[in-house]
Protein backbone atom coordinates (compact mmCIF):
# COMPACT_ATOMS: atom_id res chain seq x y z
CA MET A 1 15.14 10.45 -15.54
CA LYS A 2 11.89 9.17 -17.04
CA ASN A 3 8.13 9.48 -16.83
CA ILE A 4 6.73 6.49 -14.94
CA LEU A 5 3.43 4.71 -15.52
CA VAL A 6 2.36 2.04 -13.02
CA LEU A 7 -0.26 -0.48 -14.14
CA THR A 8 -2.39 -1.98 -11.39
CA PRO A 9 -5.45 -4.13 -10.68
CA ASP A 10 -5.39 -2.46 -7.21
CA ARG A 11 -4.35 -4.02 -3.87
CA VAL A 12 -0.86 -4.86 -5.19
CA GLY A 13 1.30 -2.11 -3.65
CA SER A 14 0.98 0.34 -6.55
CA THR A 15 0.26 3.42 -4.42
CA LEU A 16 3.24 2.72 -2.18
CA LEU A 17 5.42 2.18 -5.25
CA GLN A 18 4.36 5.51 -6.80
CA ARG A 19 5.01 7.47 -3.63
CA LEU A 20 8.42 5.94 -3.03
CA LEU A 21 9.46 6.31 -6.66
CA THR A 22 8.71 10.02 -6.37
CA VAL A 23 10.76 10.41 -3.17
CA TYR A 24 13.77 8.49 -4.50
CA MET A 25 13.68 10.27 -7.86
CA LEU A 26 13.53 13.65 -6.12
CA ARG A 27 16.56 12.63 -4.06
CA GLN A 28 18.49 11.73 -7.21
CA GLY A 29 17.60 15.06 -8.78
CA ALA A 30 16.50 15.94 -12.30
CA ASP A 31 16.49 18.72 -14.85
CA LYS A 32 12.72 19.16 -14.45
CA PRO A 33 10.17 19.00 -11.61
CA ILE A 34 9.04 15.52 -10.55
CA ILE A 35 5.35 15.19 -9.69
CA ASN A 36 3.22 12.21 -8.63
CA LEU A 37 -0.17 12.53 -10.36
CA HIS A 38 -1.56 9.20 -9.11
CA GLU A 39 -4.52 8.10 -11.31
CA LEU A 40 -4.81 9.31 -14.92
CA THR A 41 -8.28 8.05 -15.83
CA LYS A 42 -10.21 10.47 -13.57
CA GLY A 43 -8.76 13.49 -15.31
CA LEU A 44 -5.98 16.08 -15.00
CA ILE A 45 -5.75 19.84 -14.69
CA ALA A 46 -2.86 22.17 -15.53
CA TYR A 47 -2.00 25.08 -13.24
CA GLN A 48 0.83 27.50 -12.56
CA HIS A 49 3.15 26.24 -9.81
CA GLU A 50 4.62 29.23 -8.01
CA GLY A 51 7.65 27.37 -6.66
CA TYR A 52 8.63 25.93 -10.04
CA ASN A 53 7.43 29.02 -11.95
CA GLN A 54 5.89 26.90 -14.68
CA LYS A 55 2.77 25.00 -15.66
CA VAL A 56 2.41 21.59 -14.02
CA LEU A 57 -0.32 18.97 -13.72
CA ARG A 58 -2.32 17.63 -10.84
CA ALA A 59 -5.04 15.01 -10.72
CA THR A 60 -8.63 16.11 -10.57
CA ASN A 61 -11.78 14.20 -9.81
CA ALA A 62 -13.64 15.01 -13.01
CA GLY A 63 -15.15 11.55 -13.07
CA TYR A 64 -14.96 10.12 -16.56
CA THR A 65 -15.92 13.32 -18.37
CA GLN A 66 -12.40 14.08 -19.62
CA GLY A 67 -11.65 12.18 -22.82
CA LEU A 68 -8.49 10.11 -23.18
CA HIS A 69 -7.30 12.34 -26.04
CA THR A 70 -7.58 15.30 -23.64
CA VAL A 71 -5.67 13.45 -20.91
CA ALA A 72 -2.87 12.63 -23.39
CA GLY A 73 -2.85 16.22 -24.60
CA LEU A 74 -2.45 17.52 -21.04
CA LEU A 75 0.37 15.09 -20.34
CA ASN A 76 2.10 16.32 -23.47
CA SER A 77 1.53 20.00 -22.70
CA VAL A 78 3.76 20.34 -19.62
CA ASP A 79 7.51 20.00 -19.19
CA HIS A 80 7.96 17.95 -16.03
CA TYR A 81 8.39 14.32 -15.05
CA LYS A 82 5.16 12.48 -14.24
CA ILE A 83 4.73 9.47 -11.98
CA CYS A 84 1.24 8.06 -12.35
CA ARG A 85 -0.87 4.95 -12.69
CA ILE A 86 -3.76 3.38 -14.54
CA ALA A 87 -6.02 1.08 -12.55
CA TYR A 88 -7.65 -1.42 -14.92
CA TYR A 89 -11.01 -1.36 -13.17
CA LEU A 90 -11.21 2.41 -13.74
CA ILE A 91 -10.35 2.26 -17.44
CA LYS A 92 -12.99 -0.47 -17.72
CA ALA A 93 -15.57 1.69 -15.94
CA ARG A 94 -14.95 4.65 -18.29
CA GLY A 95 -16.35 2.82 -21.29
CA ASP A 96 -14.12 4.57 -23.85
CA SER A 97 -14.15 3.31 -27.43
CA LEU A 98 -11.45 0.83 -28.38
CA GLN A 99 -10.10 3.39 -30.82
CA ASP A 100 -9.67 6.01 -28.07
CA GLN A 101 -8.14 3.47 -25.73
CA GLN A 102 -5.65 2.36 -28.36
CA TYR A 103 -4.61 5.95 -29.05
CA PHE A 104 -4.07 6.50 -25.31
CA TYR A 105 -2.06 3.31 -24.83
CA GLU A 106 0.16 4.12 -27.81
CA TYR A 107 0.87 7.56 -26.37
CA LEU A 108 1.78 6.07 -22.98
CA ASN A 109 3.96 3.35 -24.52
CA LYS A 110 5.90 6.03 -26.38
CA HIS A 111 6.40 8.49 -23.51
CA PHE A 112 6.51 6.43 -20.29
CA TYR A 113 8.62 3.81 -18.55
CA ILE A 114 5.97 1.22 -17.68
CA ILE A 115 5.92 -0.92 -14.54
CA LYS A 116 3.36 -3.70 -14.25
CA CYS A 117 2.25 -4.54 -10.71
CA GLN A 118 1.19 -8.11 -10.08
CA ARG A 119 0.71 -10.78 -7.42
CA ASN A 120 1.58 -14.44 -7.17
CA ASN A 121 -0.78 -15.10 -4.25
CA LEU A 122 -4.10 -14.49 -5.99
CA PHE A 123 -6.01 -15.89 -3.02
CA GLU A 124 -4.78 -13.11 -0.74
CA TYR A 125 -5.33 -10.59 -3.53
CA ALA A 126 -9.00 -11.62 -3.76
CA LEU A 127 -9.36 -11.31 0.02
CA SER A 128 -7.82 -7.82 -0.04
CA GLN A 129 -10.26 -6.72 -2.73
CA GLY A 130 -13.11 -8.18 -0.71
CA ILE A 131 -12.12 -6.22 2.39
CA GLN A 132 -11.84 -3.04 0.32
CA MET A 133 -15.33 -3.61 -1.08
CA PHE A 134 -16.62 -4.02 2.48
CA THR A 135 -14.92 -0.92 3.94
CA GLY A 136 -15.21 1.28 0.85
CA SER A 137 -11.70 2.62 1.48
CA TYR A 138 -8.56 1.95 -0.53
CA ASN A 139 -5.71 3.23 1.68
CA ALA A 140 -4.80 4.72 5.03
CA PHE A 141 -1.95 7.21 5.25
CA SER A 142 -1.67 7.73 9.01
CA ALA A 143 -2.12 5.76 12.21
CA LEU A 144 -5.37 7.53 13.01
CA GLU A 145 -6.77 6.86 9.52
CA LYS A 146 -6.04 3.14 9.83
CA ILE A 147 -7.57 2.96 13.31
CA GLU A 148 -10.73 4.73 12.15
CA LEU A 149 -10.93 2.45 9.11
CA CYS A 150 -10.20 -0.87 10.79
CA GLU A 151 -11.24 -0.74 14.44
CA ASN A 152 -14.91 -1.62 13.92
CA LEU A 153 -14.04 -4.11 11.17
CA TYR A 154 -11.73 -6.02 13.51
CA LYS A 155 -14.48 -6.17 16.12
CA SER A 156 -17.49 -6.97 13.91
CA LYS A 157 -15.67 -9.01 11.22
CA MET A 158 -17.09 -9.77 7.77
CA THR A 159 -18.12 -12.52 5.37
CA LEU A 160 -17.19 -12.87 1.70
CA THR A 161 -19.52 -14.48 -0.82
CA GLU A 162 -18.37 -16.86 -3.53
CA HIS A 163 -19.61 -14.38 -6.13
CA GLN A 164 -17.44 -11.60 -4.68
CA LEU A 165 -14.37 -13.82 -4.57
CA ARG A 166 -14.87 -14.99 -8.15
CA GLU A 167 -15.52 -11.45 -9.37
CA ASN A 168 -12.21 -10.29 -7.87
CA LEU A 169 -10.29 -13.18 -9.42
CA ASP A 170 -11.94 -12.69 -12.82
CA LEU A 171 -10.97 -9.01 -12.74
CA TYR A 172 -7.34 -9.84 -11.99
CA LYS A 173 -7.16 -12.37 -14.83
CA ILE A 174 -8.55 -9.81 -17.30
CA TYR A 175 -6.11 -7.17 -15.98
CA ASP A 176 -3.20 -9.53 -16.57
CA GLU A 177 -4.25 -10.09 -20.18
CA TRP A 178 -5.08 -6.40 -20.77
CA SER A 179 -1.70 -5.15 -19.54
CA ASP A 180 0.29 -7.66 -21.59
CA ILE A 181 -1.69 -7.01 -24.78
CA ASN A 182 -1.74 -3.22 -24.68
CA PHE A 183 1.54 -2.14 -23.08
CA ARG A 184 5.27 -2.43 -23.60
CA ILE A 185 6.23 -3.51 -20.09
CA ASP A 186 9.67 -2.31 -18.95
CA LYS A 187 9.64 -3.84 -15.48
CA GLU A 188 7.42 -6.12 -13.40
CA PHE A 189 6.78 -5.39 -9.73
CA THR A 190 5.75 -8.68 -8.13
CA TYR A 191 4.35 -8.06 -4.67
CA GLU A 192 5.66 -11.22 -3.04
CA THR A 193 9.14 -10.75 -4.49
CA HIS A 194 9.64 -7.01 -4.14
CA ILE A 195 7.47 -5.54 -1.38
CA ASN A 196 9.84 -6.43 1.45
CA ASP A 197 12.83 -4.92 -0.35
CA ILE A 198 11.11 -2.22 -2.35
CA GLU A 199 14.08 0.10 -1.97
CA SER A 200 16.31 -2.33 -3.86
CA PHE A 201 13.67 -2.64 -6.58
CA ILE A 202 13.58 1.13 -7.07
CA LEU A 203 17.34 1.62 -6.94
CA SER A 204 17.82 -1.18 -9.50
CA LEU A 205 15.81 0.68 -12.18
CA ASP A 206 18.11 1.64 -15.05
CA PHE A 207 17.59 5.40 -14.63
CA MET A 208 18.34 5.37 -10.88
CA THR A 209 22.09 5.82 -11.17
CA ALA A 210 23.01 8.11 -8.24
CA ASN A 211 24.96 6.92 -5.21
CA ASN A 212 23.99 7.71 -1.60
CA ASN A 213 20.34 7.47 -2.54
CA THR A 214 18.93 5.14 0.13
CA TRP A 215 16.17 6.10 2.58
CA GLU A 216 18.80 6.16 5.32
CA ASP A 217 20.99 8.49 3.23
CA MET A 218 17.99 10.78 2.89
CA PHE A 219 16.51 10.68 6.37
CA GLY A 220 18.96 9.04 8.78
CA ILE A 221 16.70 6.00 9.30
CA SER A 222 16.48 2.91 7.10
CA TRP A 223 13.35 2.32 5.02
CA THR A 224 12.74 -0.92 6.96
CA ASP A 225 12.89 0.78 10.35
CA TRP A 226 10.80 3.75 9.23
CA ASN A 227 8.14 1.49 7.74
CA THR A 228 8.14 -0.67 10.86
CA CYS A 229 7.33 2.43 12.92
CA HIS A 230 4.67 3.39 10.36
CA ARG A 231 2.96 0.02 10.72
CA MET A 232 3.51 -0.28 14.46
CA PHE A 233 1.72 2.85 15.68
CA PRO A 234 -1.86 1.96 14.60
CA ASN A 235 -1.37 -1.68 15.55
CA LEU A 236 -0.51 -0.70 19.11
CA LEU A 237 -4.16 0.21 19.63
CA LEU A 238 -5.79 -2.21 17.20
CA HIS A 239 -4.04 -5.20 18.78
CA ASN A 240 -3.66 -3.89 22.33
CA ASN A 241 -2.96 -6.69 24.84
CA ASN A 242 -2.79 -9.32 22.09
CA HIS A 243 0.72 -10.50 22.88
CA ASN A 244 2.57 -13.72 23.48
CA PRO A 245 2.04 -14.51 27.19
CA ASN A 246 5.75 -15.27 27.56
CA GLU A 247 6.81 -11.82 26.29
CA GLU A 248 8.07 -9.12 28.60
CA VAL A 249 5.58 -6.25 28.31
CA MET A 250 5.79 -2.51 28.98
CA ARG A 251 2.52 -0.95 30.17
CA LEU A 252 2.01 2.63 29.08
CA THR A 253 -0.67 4.76 30.68
CA THR A 254 -1.92 8.32 30.57
CA ASP A 255 -3.38 7.97 34.08
CA LYS A 256 -1.11 10.29 36.09
CA SER A 257 -2.18 8.74 39.37
CA ASN A 258 -0.87 5.34 38.33
CA THR A 259 1.89 5.83 35.77
CA THR A 260 3.88 2.76 34.87
CA HIS A 261 5.67 4.58 32.07
CA GLU A 262 4.86 7.88 30.37
CA PRO A 263 3.96 7.28 26.69
CA ILE A 264 5.94 9.07 24.02
CA ASP A 265 3.96 11.83 22.31
CA GLU A 266 3.14 9.81 19.19
CA ILE A 267 1.55 7.05 21.28
CA LYS A 268 -0.43 9.62 23.26
CA THR A 269 -1.88 10.90 19.98
CA ILE A 270 -3.01 7.41 19.00
CA MET A 271 -4.51 6.75 22.44
CA ALA A 272 -6.40 10.06 22.24
CA ILE A 273 -8.58 8.78 19.40
CA ASN A 274 -10.45 6.72 21.96
CA GLN A 275 -11.10 8.32 25.34
CA ASN A 276 -11.34 4.86 26.87
CA SER A 277 -7.79 4.01 25.77
CA THR A 278 -5.91 5.17 28.86
CA SER A 279 -3.30 2.43 28.67
CA LEU A 280 -1.44 0.25 26.20
CA SER A 281 0.60 -2.87 26.73
CA ILE A 282 3.57 -3.10 24.40
CA PRO A 283 6.18 -5.85 24.13
CA LEU A 284 9.37 -4.48 25.63
CA LYS A 285 11.33 -5.14 22.43
CA ASP A 286 8.83 -3.01 20.47
CA PHE A 287 8.92 -0.25 23.05
CA ASN A 288 12.72 -0.16 22.88
CA PHE A 289 12.56 -0.11 19.09
CA LEU A 290 10.18 2.86 19.12
CA GLU A 291 12.25 4.82 21.60
CA ALA A 292 15.32 4.29 19.41
CA ASN A 293 13.65 5.24 16.11
CA VAL A 294 10.63 7.47 16.71
CA LYS A 295 12.53 10.77 16.53
CA LYS A 296 13.83 10.02 13.03
CA TYR A 297 10.44 8.61 12.05
CA VAL A 298 8.72 11.88 12.98
CA GLU A 299 11.40 14.01 11.30
CA THR A 300 11.00 11.97 8.11
CA ASN A 301 7.24 12.46 8.20
CA LYS A 302 7.78 16.22 8.23
CA HIS A 303 9.89 15.93 5.07
CA ILE A 304 7.17 13.83 3.42
CA GLU A 305 4.53 16.36 4.46
CA SER A 306 6.58 19.11 2.83
CA LEU A 307 6.51 17.15 -0.46
CA VAL A 308 2.72 16.92 -0.20
CA LYS A 309 2.50 20.65 0.51
CA ASN A 310 4.71 21.36 -2.52
CA LYS A 311 2.44 19.15 -4.69
CA ASN A 312 5.19 16.65 -5.54
CA LEU A 313 3.05 14.04 -3.75
CA MET A 314 -0.74 13.83 -3.61
CA ARG A 315 -0.73 12.14 -0.20
CA GLY A 316 1.82 10.62 2.15
CA ILE A 317 3.11 7.04 2.34
CA PRO A 318 0.30 4.47 2.70
CA LEU A 319 0.21 1.93 5.51
CA LYS A 320 -0.15 -1.79 5.01
CA LEU A 321 -3.75 -2.45 6.01
CA GLN A 322 -3.85 -6.16 6.85
CA SER A 323 -1.42 -9.05 6.94
CA LEU A 324 -2.59 -12.52 5.88
CA LYS A 325 -3.10 -13.41 9.53
CA GLU A 326 -5.21 -10.29 10.05
CA LYS A 327 -7.33 -11.21 7.02
CA GLN A 328 -7.96 -14.61 8.61
CA GLU A 329 -9.00 -12.87 11.83
CA ILE A 330 -11.39 -10.55 9.95
CA ILE A 331 -13.03 -12.91 7.42
CA ILE A 332 -15.41 -15.28 9.20
CA ASN A 333 -15.61 -17.81 6.35
CA PHE A 334 -11.88 -17.81 5.55
CA ASP A 335 -11.72 -21.61 5.12
CA GLU A 336 -14.70 -21.63 2.77
CA CYS A 337 -12.93 -18.97 0.68
CA ILE A 338 -9.97 -21.32 0.22
CA ASP A 339 -12.29 -23.96 -1.27
CA TRP A 340 -13.97 -21.43 -3.58
CA TYR A 341 -10.59 -20.11 -4.70
CA ASN A 342 -9.22 -23.55 -5.56
CA LYS A 343 -12.39 -24.34 -7.49
CA TRP A 344 -11.95 -21.14 -9.52
CA VAL A 345 -8.28 -21.96 -10.25
CA SER A 346 -9.24 -25.42 -11.47
CA GLU A 347 -12.02 -24.10 -13.71
CA ASN A 348 -9.89 -21.31 -15.22
CA ASP A 349 -6.54 -23.10 -15.38
CA TYR A 350 -5.04 -19.91 -13.99
CA GLY A 351 -3.28 -19.19 -10.72
CA THR A 352 -1.88 -21.60 -8.16
CA MET A 353 -3.86 -23.81 -5.80
CA CYS A 354 -3.38 -23.03 -2.12
CA ASP A 355 -3.79 -25.10 1.01
CA LYS A 356 -3.84 -24.54 4.74
CA LYS A 357 -0.19 -25.46 5.30
CA THR A 358 1.09 -23.12 2.56
CA LEU A 359 -0.97 -20.25 3.95
CA ASN A 360 0.26 -21.08 7.46
CA ASP A 361 3.86 -20.84 6.29
CA ILE A 362 3.31 -17.55 4.43
CA ALA A 363 1.50 -15.95 7.37
CA PHE A 364 4.04 -17.19 9.91
CA ILE A 365 6.94 -15.69 7.97
CA GLU A 366 5.08 -12.42 7.48
CA GLU A 367 4.10 -12.07 11.13
CA ASN A 368 7.61 -12.79 12.38
CA ARG A 369 9.02 -10.25 9.94
CA SER A 370 6.54 -7.58 11.07
CA SER A 371 6.39 -5.63 14.28
CA THR A 372 3.52 -5.92 16.79
CA PRO A 373 2.30 -9.22 15.31
CA LEU A 374 -1.00 -10.86 16.11
CA LEU A 375 0.85 -14.10 16.76
CA LYS A 376 0.58 -15.77 20.12
CA PHE A 377 2.21 -18.87 18.69
CA ASP A 378 5.72 -20.03 17.95
CA SER A 379 5.04 -22.44 15.09
CA PRO A 380 3.34 -22.04 11.71
CA GLU A 381 1.12 -25.07 12.34
CA LYS A 382 -0.70 -23.10 15.03
CA LEU A 383 -1.14 -19.90 13.07
CA ILE A 384 -4.27 -20.33 10.97
CA THR A 385 -6.63 -22.58 12.87
CA GLN A 386 -9.59 -24.52 11.53
CA GLN A 387 -12.73 -22.47 11.97
CA THR A 388 -15.90 -24.08 13.19
């Protein structure tokens, strides 16, 4: 087993990767405790863990007051495996001297297995960063959190400026150079390649040698099915009634005087966030999927919650916030952003140009892979329409 450091520019799946690495490593077992610290640059604190009967670390929000030498010293002072990250924009914001940074990087290169997170689709990356800047929130870890974060955004929508888009792309380009210059990269996690089979990525790491170590081995439900449930629950409310007109639909209602079908408890909880949400219309195939998998989904959540309570995890498993199609629905000037992006690529000789058809194809594949899609169409040509 090894200490793991994840490098990230943010919005590239790094939080999900950290959480899952921790769960899979705990399943494999180790000679020491395994603890997800999340971000290193905001500081750490050592404390006595009663369950492990030893000193361990947890992240603290000390701002940037804790020097990098102190952070390295704390990492070195405890005898347990650490899974953590460095976000480039945070190390940049700290303003440490180059000498202190170099000392810190050398320590990490010596003591950590380093995974670099990256994206091929820099256009979607820039959009994701823009949405985060607008909402002020980085992740949602439950259905209710995502609904609270996204409901008003989906209704009111937003506009990105060219300056914001360029700033996000510039930051990614600098991150790419920074990570390659300063770190000995052991493995690259490319979002487009690995996110849809993240379990295989984790189990392929050279220190993950145990058999019977899949999500289904652990929890009796596959990672794909569990994550589909995870994504589906908030989208039931966020995209209520937004279905293909040819689909067979199940109407769920909490109105006892006119019950078409009694919602399962987890759907009732989601509907309760809004007192006006007395009914939901769900494609029958999605309803059947939930009925078949929700019990194991809920049981798995209880196991994850126990890891949070035991301080192995800081938080639970994050939800995917928006698909490419959802980004197009949210961002009013989506088409203008494509033009700005391509102009930036040309000027910087970095990244890959994108066009409407390529984005259509990407979004169509993603929506048809996902549950409760926004799609009302059966062809990629109809997916992302020209805005007027």
